[in-house]
Amino acid sequence: MPNVQYPIPKTQLLLYLIPIIGFFPSLWTLYRGQGSREQLAISRLSITLALTWLLGYLLLATKAATSDFFPLRLFILNSFLTSGYFLVSFWLILRLIQGKSGRLPGFTTLAERVLGKYLS
């Protein structure tokens, strides 16, 4: 049976971009290494965004918990980071719904360089 590429349902690409939850299907897609070029690119971007948010969140929360001087400011900065992650994810979802590119300058390049080397 020939290997036929079917068009990717848009809902599958949107699933990859759901904050936090989309990390797992994205990781599974990259782990299998099967998918279209667009699926792999969106998966890499989703994982990069989630890991960047998680790393920033953990660093800020740890510093806020151990700081005597300005823990409130760090918690507020942490909430801005989390809000930014969710807003960027929903903005990318809206762009995909509109039929536009799911690329994010800086992060897409980083995702292709780092995750493309190890997971694809």
C-alpha atoms as a PDB file:
ATOM      1  CA  MET A   1       0.000   0.000   0.000  1.00  0.00           C
ATOM      2  CA  PRO A   2       1.519   3.363  -0.980  1.00  0.00           C
ATOM      3  CA  ASN A   3       2.344   5.957   1.660  1.00  0.00           C
ATOM      4  CA  VAL A   4      -0.319   8.595   1.042  1.00  0.00           C
ATOM      5  CA  GLN A   5      -0.221  11.950   2.839  1.00  0.00           C
ATOM      6  CA  TYR A   6      -3.687  13.069   3.867  1.00  0.00           C
ATOM      7  CA  PRO A   7      -4.409  16.679   4.750  1.00  0.00           C
ATOM      8  CA  ILE A   8      -3.959  17.364   8.443  1.00  0.00           C
ATOM      9  CA  PRO A   9      -7.128  18.273  10.266  1.00  0.00           C
ATOM     10  CA  LYS A  10      -6.839  21.773  11.669  1.00  0.00           C
ATOM     11  CA  THR A  11      -8.170  20.548  15.009  1.00  0.00           C
ATOM     12  CA  GLN A  12      -5.074  18.386  15.452  1.00  0.00           C
ATOM     13  CA  LEU A  13      -2.796  21.394  14.970  1.00  0.00           C
ATOM     14  CA  LEU A  14      -4.939  23.415  17.366  1.00  0.00           C
ATOM     15  CA  LEU A  15      -4.638  20.647  19.966  1.00  0.00           C
ATOM     16  CA  TYR A  16      -0.851  21.002  19.913  1.00  0.00           C
ATOM     17  CA  LEU A  17      -1.102  24.688  20.843  1.00  0.00           C
ATOM     18  CA  ILE A  18      -3.402  24.351  23.862  1.00  0.00           C
ATOM     19  CA  PRO A  19      -1.347  25.616  26.816  1.00  0.00           C
ATOM     20  CA  ILE A  20       0.164  22.871  28.996  1.00  0.00           C
ATOM     21  CA  ILE A  21      -2.140  20.120  27.624  1.00  0.00           C
ATOM     22  CA  GLY A  22      -0.830  20.420  24.056  1.00  0.00           C
ATOM     23  CA  PHE A  23       2.686  19.581  25.240  1.00  0.00           C
ATOM     24  CA  PHE A  24       1.886  15.865  25.480  1.00  0.00           C
ATOM     25  CA  PRO A  25       0.462  15.232  21.988  1.00  0.00           C
ATOM     26  CA  SER A  26       3.248  17.417  20.589  1.00  0.00           C
ATOM     27  CA  LEU A  27       5.878  15.345  22.338  1.00  0.00           C
ATOM     28  CA  TRP A  28       4.241  12.133  21.121  1.00  0.00           C
ATOM     29  CA  THR A  29       4.211  13.393  17.521  1.00  0.00           C
ATOM     30  CA  LEU A  30       7.890  14.302  17.660  1.00  0.00           C
ATOM     31  CA  TYR A  31       8.813  11.084  19.430  1.00  0.00           C
ATOM     32  CA  ARG A  32       7.187   8.986  16.696  1.00  0.00           C
ATOM     33  CA  GLY A  33       8.731  11.183  14.013  1.00  0.00           C
ATOM     34  CA  GLN A  34       5.657  10.754  11.855  1.00  0.00           C
ATOM     35  CA  GLY A  35       3.695  13.696  10.640  1.00  0.00           C
ATOM     36  CA  SER A  36       3.698  16.405   8.081  1.00  0.00           C
ATOM     37  CA  ARG A  37       6.214  19.220   8.049  1.00  0.00           C
ATOM     38  CA  GLU A  38       3.571  21.540   9.526  1.00  0.00           C
ATOM     39  CA  GLN A  39       2.715  19.105  12.339  1.00  0.00           C
ATOM     40  CA  LEU A  40       6.348  18.722  13.302  1.00  0.00           C
ATOM     41  CA  ALA A  41       6.953  22.489  13.237  1.00  0.00           C
ATOM     42  CA  ILE A  42       3.909  23.249  15.406  1.00  0.00           C
ATOM     43  CA  SER A  43       4.866  20.428  17.779  1.00  0.00           C
ATOM     44  CA  ARG A  44       8.389  21.802  18.164  1.00  0.00           C
ATOM     45  CA  LEU A  45       7.035  25.295  18.804  1.00  0.00           C
ATOM     46  CA  SER A  46       4.527  24.037  21.374  1.00  0.00           C
ATOM     47  CA  ILE A  47       7.180  22.109  23.291  1.00  0.00           C
ATOM     48  CA  THR A  48       9.593  25.045  23.207  1.00  0.00           C
ATOM     49  CA  LEU A  49       6.957  27.434  24.531  1.00  0.00           C
ATOM     50  CA  ALA A  50       5.894  25.036  27.290  1.00  0.00           C
ATOM     51  CA  LEU A  51       9.436  24.264  28.431  1.00  0.00           C
ATOM     52  CA  THR A  52      10.421  27.932  28.374  1.00  0.00           C
ATOM     53  CA  TRP A  53       7.380  28.809  30.465  1.00  0.00           C
ATOM     54  CA  LEU A  54       8.012  25.941  32.893  1.00  0.00           C
ATOM     55  CA  LEU A  55      11.662  26.852  33.359  1.00  0.00           C
ATOM     56  CA  GLY A  56      10.832  30.540  33.926  1.00  0.00           C
ATOM     57  CA  TYR A  57       7.972  29.659  36.246  1.00  0.00           C
ATOM     58  CA  LEU A  58      10.101  27.365  38.382  1.00  0.00           C
ATOM     59  CA  LEU A  59      13.014  29.788  38.570  1.00  0.00           C
ATOM     60  CA  LEU A  60      10.818  32.735  39.549  1.00  0.00           C
ATOM     61  CA  ALA A  61       8.815  30.703  42.071  1.00  0.00           C
ATOM     62  CA  THR A  62      11.974  29.343  43.672  1.00  0.00           C
ATOM     63  CA  LYS A  63      13.546  32.786  43.913  1.00  0.00           C
ATOM     64  CA  ALA A  64      10.330  34.281  45.306  1.00  0.00           C
ATOM     65  CA  ALA A  65      10.112  31.562  47.944  1.00  0.00           C
ATOM     66  CA  THR A  66      13.712  32.059  49.075  1.00  0.00           C
ATOM     67  CA  SER A  67      13.911  35.851  48.790  1.00  0.00           C
ATOM     68  CA  ASP A  68      13.538  38.136  51.768  1.00  0.00           C
ATOM     69  CA  PHE A  69      13.443  41.388  49.824  1.00  0.00           C
ATOM     70  CA  PHE A  70      10.917  41.274  47.005  1.00  0.00           C
ATOM     71  CA  PRO A  71       8.953  38.014  46.793  1.00  0.00           C
ATOM     72  CA  LEU A  72       5.723  39.804  45.867  1.00  0.00           C
ATOM     73  CA  ARG A  73       7.339  41.374  42.812  1.00  0.00           C
ATOM     74  CA  LEU A  74       8.650  38.009  41.698  1.00  0.00           C
ATOM     75  CA  PHE A  75       5.229  36.395  42.130  1.00  0.00           C
ATOM     76  CA  ILE A  76       3.697  39.200  40.055  1.00  0.00           C
ATOM     77  CA  LEU A  77       6.370  38.708  37.381  1.00  0.00           C
ATOM     78  CA  ASN A  78       5.603  34.986  37.486  1.00  0.00           C
ATOM     79  CA  SER A  79       1.925  35.691  36.856  1.00  0.00           C
ATOM     80  CA  PHE A  80       2.855  37.920  33.889  1.00  0.00           C
ATOM     81  CA  LEU A  81       4.993  35.113  32.478  1.00  0.00           C
ATOM     82  CA  THR A  82       2.127  32.629  32.809  1.00  0.00           C
ATOM     83  CA  SER A  83      -0.383  35.067  31.305  1.00  0.00           C
ATOM     84  CA  GLY A  84       1.998  35.726  28.426  1.00  0.00           C
ATOM     85  CA  TYR A  85       2.366  32.019  27.729  1.00  0.00           C
ATOM     86  CA  PHE A  86      -1.408  31.547  27.613  1.00  0.00           C
ATOM     87  CA  LEU A  87      -1.956  34.667  25.469  1.00  0.00           C
ATOM     88  CA  VAL A  88       0.725  33.688  22.958  1.00  0.00           C
ATOM     89  CA  SER A  89      -0.741  30.187  22.720  1.00  0.00           C
ATOM     90  CA  PHE A  90      -4.254  31.496  22.096  1.00  0.00           C
ATOM     91  CA  TRP A  91      -2.929  34.064  19.612  1.00  0.00           C
ATOM     92  CA  LEU A  92      -1.246  31.241  17.669  1.00  0.00           C
ATOM     93  CA  ILE A  93      -4.489  29.238  17.787  1.00  0.00           C
ATOM     94  CA  LEU A  94      -6.381  32.206  16.333  1.00  0.00           C
ATOM     95  CA  ARG A  95      -3.767  32.590  13.584  1.00  0.00           C
ATOM     96  CA  LEU A  96      -4.172  28.931  12.621  1.00  0.00           C
ATOM     97  CA  ILE A  97      -7.965  29.263  12.575  1.00  0.00           C
ATOM     98  CA  GLN A  98      -7.594  32.227  10.223  1.00  0.00           C
ATOM     99  CA  GLY A  99      -5.376  30.141   7.954  1.00  0.00           C
ATOM    100  CA  LYS A 100      -2.209  32.115   8.703  1.00  0.00           C
ATOM    101  CA  SER A 101       1.213  30.785   9.609  1.00  0.00           C
ATOM    102  CA  GLY A 102       1.807  29.265  13.018  1.00  0.00           C
ATOM    103  CA  ARG A 103       5.324  30.679  13.212  1.00  0.00           C
ATOM    104  CA  LEU A 104       6.561  32.787  16.101  1.00  0.00           C
ATOM    105  CA  PRO A 105       9.727  34.796  15.390  1.00  0.00           C
ATOM    106  CA  GLY A 106      12.582  33.711  17.604  1.00  0.00           C
ATOM    107  CA  PHE A 107      10.854  30.739  19.179  1.00  0.00           C
ATOM    108  CA  THR A 108      10.258  28.910  15.900  1.00  0.00           C
ATOM    109  CA  THR A 109      13.921  29.261  14.978  1.00  0.00           C
ATOM    110  CA  LEU A 110      14.994  28.133  18.451  1.00  0.00           C
ATOM    111  CA  ALA A 111      12.604  25.176  18.315  1.00  0.00           C
ATOM    112  CA  GLU A 112      13.896  24.071  14.918  1.00  0.00           C
ATOM    113  CA  ARG A 113      17.532  24.348  15.987  1.00  0.00           C
ATOM    114  CA  VAL A 114      17.256  22.658  19.372  1.00  0.00           C
ATOM    115  CA  LEU A 115      14.366  20.199  19.100  1.00  0.00           C
ATOM    116  CA  GLY A 116      14.878  19.550  15.404  1.00  0.00           C
ATOM    117  CA  LYS A 117      18.306  18.183  16.203  1.00  0.00           C
ATOM    118  CA  TYR A 118      17.183  15.820  18.978  1.00  0.00           C
ATOM    119  CA  LEU A 119      13.571  14.846  18.316  1.00  0.00           C
ATOM    120  CA  SER A 120      13.025  14.820  14.576  1.00  0.00           C
END
